[in-house]
């Protein structure tokens, strides 16, 4: 069945950059044009709208996005104490290793990062809190040992020589990789489906997982 969509403007992002209608044959775009349209089995009028092709995003942290949707989301926390409180409540669910995402200490009145000791008080399970940009994280002792990152480049140590729990560069990347590898395939799949659903709802029709 052929469907004709008529709008104020159709943007193709290619040659013949604009049109007034688009003809779709089942799932495939057959033609874009202006003026009198070709015959179709069904016509959909979309007055006042602009039609774009489906967007493709080639740089997506799909699994991480899905985890943030249904996991420990620390975006918008106003202080370190709030981030730690939400982390403690989540860890109390006893779901195993914990990853929290999205905190931004630059928005806190006191921008000091949580420490390994702070996170040790939350759970005996590995706990990893990841900054909003993904380039800095903080882990508790169980996480540092399980991911084997204490001696890696980017694992911060205090003046006493002990790990602070703050991870950057290689240590940060390894800690996050360890967390995702510790999860069952089912959990990763569910996270990817959740994030894919959000992408599709917003017009992103193809994504490439990082």
Protein backbone atom coordinates (compact mmCIF):
# COMPACT_ATOMS: atom_id res chain seq x y z
CA UNK A 1 0.00 0.00 0.00
CA UNK A 2 1.28 3.45 -0.90
CA UNK A 3 0.82 6.35 1.52
CA UNK A 4 1.26 10.01 0.58
CA UNK A 5 2.28 12.41 3.33
CA UNK A 6 1.69 16.10 2.58
CA UNK A 7 3.37 18.76 4.74
CA UNK A 8 4.51 22.37 4.51
CA UNK A 9 8.03 21.16 3.89
CA UNK A 10 9.88 17.90 3.46
CA UNK A 11 13.61 18.04 4.17
CA UNK A 12 15.66 15.24 2.58
CA UNK A 13 19.19 16.22 3.72
CA UNK A 14 20.41 15.17 0.27
CA UNK A 15 19.94 16.14 -3.38
CA UNK A 16 16.53 17.64 -4.05
CA UNK A 17 16.80 19.11 -0.54
CA UNK A 18 13.14 20.09 -0.13
CA UNK A 19 9.68 19.04 -1.19
CA UNK A 20 6.04 19.29 -0.22
CA UNK A 21 5.13 15.62 -0.08
CA UNK A 22 6.68 12.21 0.37
CA UNK A 23 5.35 8.94 -1.07
CA UNK A 24 5.98 5.83 1.02
CA UNK A 25 5.56 2.31 -0.34
CA UNK A 26 4.98 0.25 2.79
CA UNK A 27 8.24 0.89 4.73
CA UNK A 28 10.27 2.52 1.95
CA UNK A 29 10.37 6.12 0.74
CA UNK A 30 9.61 6.01 -2.98
CA UNK A 31 9.57 9.68 -3.96
CA UNK A 32 9.80 13.22 -2.58
CA UNK A 33 8.45 16.08 -4.64
CA UNK A 34 6.50 19.32 -4.99
CA UNK A 35 3.36 20.28 -6.82
CA UNK A 36 0.79 17.71 -7.91
CA UNK A 37 1.48 14.44 -6.08
CA UNK A 38 1.27 10.96 -7.61
CA UNK A 39 -1.70 8.70 -6.84
CA UNK A 40 -1.64 6.82 -3.54
CA UNK A 41 -3.84 4.40 -1.64
CA UNK A 42 -3.93 6.70 1.36
CA UNK A 43 -3.19 10.39 1.92
CA UNK A 44 -2.15 11.89 5.25
CA UNK A 45 -2.26 15.68 5.48
CA UNK A 46 0.17 17.22 7.99
CA UNK A 47 -0.49 20.98 7.77
CA UNK A 48 2.09 23.28 9.35
CA UNK A 49 4.66 20.52 9.76
CA UNK A 50 8.15 19.75 8.48
CA UNK A 51 9.09 16.15 7.73
CA UNK A 52 12.66 14.97 8.30
CA UNK A 53 14.27 11.60 7.62
CA UNK A 54 14.83 9.38 10.64
CA UNK A 55 17.90 10.54 12.52
CA UNK A 56 20.93 8.27 12.94
CA UNK A 57 23.16 8.71 16.00
CA UNK A 58 26.56 7.07 15.62
CA UNK A 59 27.84 7.87 19.14
CA UNK A 60 25.46 6.49 21.75
CA UNK A 61 26.09 5.01 25.19
CA UNK A 62 22.99 2.90 24.80
CA UNK A 63 23.52 0.50 27.70
CA UNK A 64 24.49 3.30 30.07
CA UNK A 65 21.48 5.36 29.03
CA UNK A 66 19.16 2.46 29.67
CA UNK A 67 20.73 1.87 33.08
CA UNK A 68 20.27 5.56 33.96
CA UNK A 69 16.59 5.36 33.00
CA UNK A 70 15.83 2.55 35.44
CA UNK A 71 18.84 2.54 37.76
CA UNK A 72 20.47 4.96 40.19
CA UNK A 73 20.16 8.35 38.50
CA UNK A 74 22.11 11.07 40.33
CA UNK A 75 21.48 13.85 37.82
CA UNK A 76 20.07 16.90 39.55
CA UNK A 77 21.42 16.09 42.99
CA UNK A 78 22.08 19.32 44.86
CA UNK A 79 24.84 18.11 47.17
CA UNK A 80 27.19 15.26 47.97
CA UNK A 81 24.97 14.35 50.93
CA UNK A 82 21.96 14.00 48.62
CA UNK A 83 23.93 11.86 46.17
CA UNK A 84 25.08 9.63 49.01
CA UNK A 85 21.57 9.38 50.46
CA UNK A 86 20.09 8.27 47.12
CA UNK A 87 22.96 5.81 46.70
CA UNK A 88 22.38 4.37 50.17
CA UNK A 89 18.66 3.92 49.47
CA UNK A 90 19.39 2.19 46.18
CA UNK A 91 22.07 -0.05 47.67
CA UNK A 92 19.59 -1.11 50.37
CA UNK A 93 17.58 -2.91 47.67
CA UNK A 94 20.40 -5.47 47.71
CA UNK A 95 20.56 -5.91 43.93
CA UNK A 96 24.29 -6.61 43.87
CA UNK A 97 26.94 -4.20 42.49
CA UNK A 98 25.69 -0.61 42.28
CA UNK A 99 26.35 2.01 39.62
CA UNK A 100 25.02 5.55 40.01
CA UNK A 101 25.27 7.99 37.11
CA UNK A 102 24.92 11.67 36.37
CA UNK A 103 26.16 13.63 39.39
CA UNK A 104 27.81 17.00 38.77
CA UNK A 105 29.77 18.24 41.75
CA UNK A 106 30.33 21.65 40.12
CA UNK A 107 26.66 22.39 40.89
CA UNK A 108 27.09 21.61 44.58
CA UNK A 109 27.82 24.33 47.15
CA UNK A 110 30.69 22.10 48.33
CA UNK A 111 32.19 20.55 45.18
CA UNK A 112 34.22 17.91 47.04
CA UNK A 113 33.77 14.48 45.48
CA UNK A 114 32.54 11.53 47.55
CA UNK A 115 35.35 9.29 48.77
CA UNK A 116 36.05 5.60 49.00
CA UNK A 117 35.27 5.80 52.74
CA UNK A 118 31.92 7.46 52.04
CA UNK A 119 30.97 4.66 49.68
CA UNK A 120 32.27 1.93 51.98
CA UNK A 121 29.60 3.05 54.45
CA UNK A 122 26.86 2.43 51.87
CA UNK A 123 27.38 -1.23 51.03
CA UNK A 124 29.80 -4.13 51.16
CA UNK A 125 28.96 -4.73 47.48
CA UNK A 126 30.96 -2.87 44.80
CA UNK A 127 29.66 0.70 44.40
CA UNK A 128 30.63 3.00 41.53
CA UNK A 129 29.34 6.56 41.12
CA UNK A 130 30.00 8.07 37.68
CA UNK A 131 30.15 11.79 36.96
CA UNK A 132 27.78 13.23 34.35
CA UNK A 133 30.50 13.37 31.67
CA UNK A 134 31.63 9.77 32.31
CA UNK A 135 35.28 10.76 32.68
CA UNK A 136 35.45 10.66 36.48
CA UNK A 137 34.04 8.10 38.88
CA UNK A 138 34.32 7.15 42.54
CA UNK A 139 34.41 3.59 43.83
CA UNK A 140 34.35 1.91 47.21
CA UNK A 141 36.95 -0.58 48.38
CA UNK A 142 34.99 -3.57 47.08
CA UNK A 143 34.79 -1.99 43.62
CA UNK A 144 38.49 -1.08 43.50
CA UNK A 145 39.45 -4.62 44.41
CA UNK A 146 36.93 -6.39 42.16
CA UNK A 147 37.82 -4.28 39.12
CA UNK A 148 41.54 -4.45 39.97
CA UNK A 149 42.11 -0.75 39.33
CA UNK A 150 44.06 0.36 42.41
CA UNK A 151 47.41 0.27 40.61
CA UNK A 152 46.13 1.64 37.28
CA UNK A 153 46.84 5.05 35.81
CA UNK A 154 44.17 7.45 37.02
CA UNK A 155 43.50 5.79 40.40
CA UNK A 156 43.93 8.69 42.84
CA UNK A 157 45.72 8.31 46.14
CA UNK A 158 45.67 10.63 49.13
CA UNK A 159 48.58 12.09 51.07
CA UNK A 160 48.56 8.93 53.19
CA UNK A 161 49.15 6.81 50.09
CA UNK A 162 45.74 5.16 50.35
CA UNK A 163 43.25 5.13 47.44
CA UNK A 164 40.72 7.96 47.67
CA UNK A 165 38.33 6.07 45.42
CA UNK A 166 38.45 8.75 42.71
CA UNK A 167 39.12 7.23 39.30
CA UNK A 168 40.11 8.91 36.06
CA UNK A 169 41.54 7.86 32.69
CA UNK A 170 42.43 4.16 32.44
CA UNK A 171 41.21 3.28 35.94
CA UNK A 172 37.84 4.95 35.34
CA UNK A 173 37.31 3.21 32.01
CA UNK A 174 38.24 -0.16 33.47
CA UNK A 175 35.94 0.25 36.47
CA UNK A 176 32.94 1.03 34.28
CA UNK A 177 33.76 -1.85 31.94
CA UNK A 178 33.99 -4.21 34.90
CA UNK A 179 30.57 -3.12 36.13
CA UNK A 180 28.86 -3.78 32.81
CA UNK A 181 30.66 -7.09 32.38
CA UNK A 182 29.45 -8.15 35.82
CA UNK A 183 25.81 -7.86 34.75
CA UNK A 184 23.74 -10.69 33.26
CA UNK A 185 23.10 -10.42 29.53
CA UNK A 186 19.39 -10.09 30.30
CA UNK A 187 19.95 -6.87 32.25
CA UNK A 188 22.08 -5.36 29.48
CA UNK A 189 19.47 -6.34 26.90
CA UNK A 190 16.66 -4.75 28.89
CA UNK A 191 18.68 -1.54 29.30
CA UNK A 192 19.39 -1.35 25.57
CA UNK A 193 15.73 -1.92 24.71
CA UNK A 194 14.66 0.81 27.13
CA UNK A 195 17.14 3.31 25.67
CA UNK A 196 16.23 2.26 22.12
CA UNK A 197 12.58 2.96 22.89
CA UNK A 198 13.41 6.48 24.02
CA UNK A 199 15.50 7.05 20.89
CA UNK A 200 12.73 5.83 18.62
CA UNK A 201 10.15 8.01 20.35
CA UNK A 202 12.33 11.05 19.63
CA UNK A 203 12.89 10.34 15.96
CA UNK A 204 16.25 8.57 16.23
CA UNK A 205 15.74 5.49 14.08
CA UNK A 206 19.25 3.99 14.25
CA UNK A 207 21.97 4.11 16.90
CA UNK A 208 25.48 2.74 17.23
CA UNK A 209 26.43 1.49 20.68
CA UNK A 210 29.75 2.74 21.97
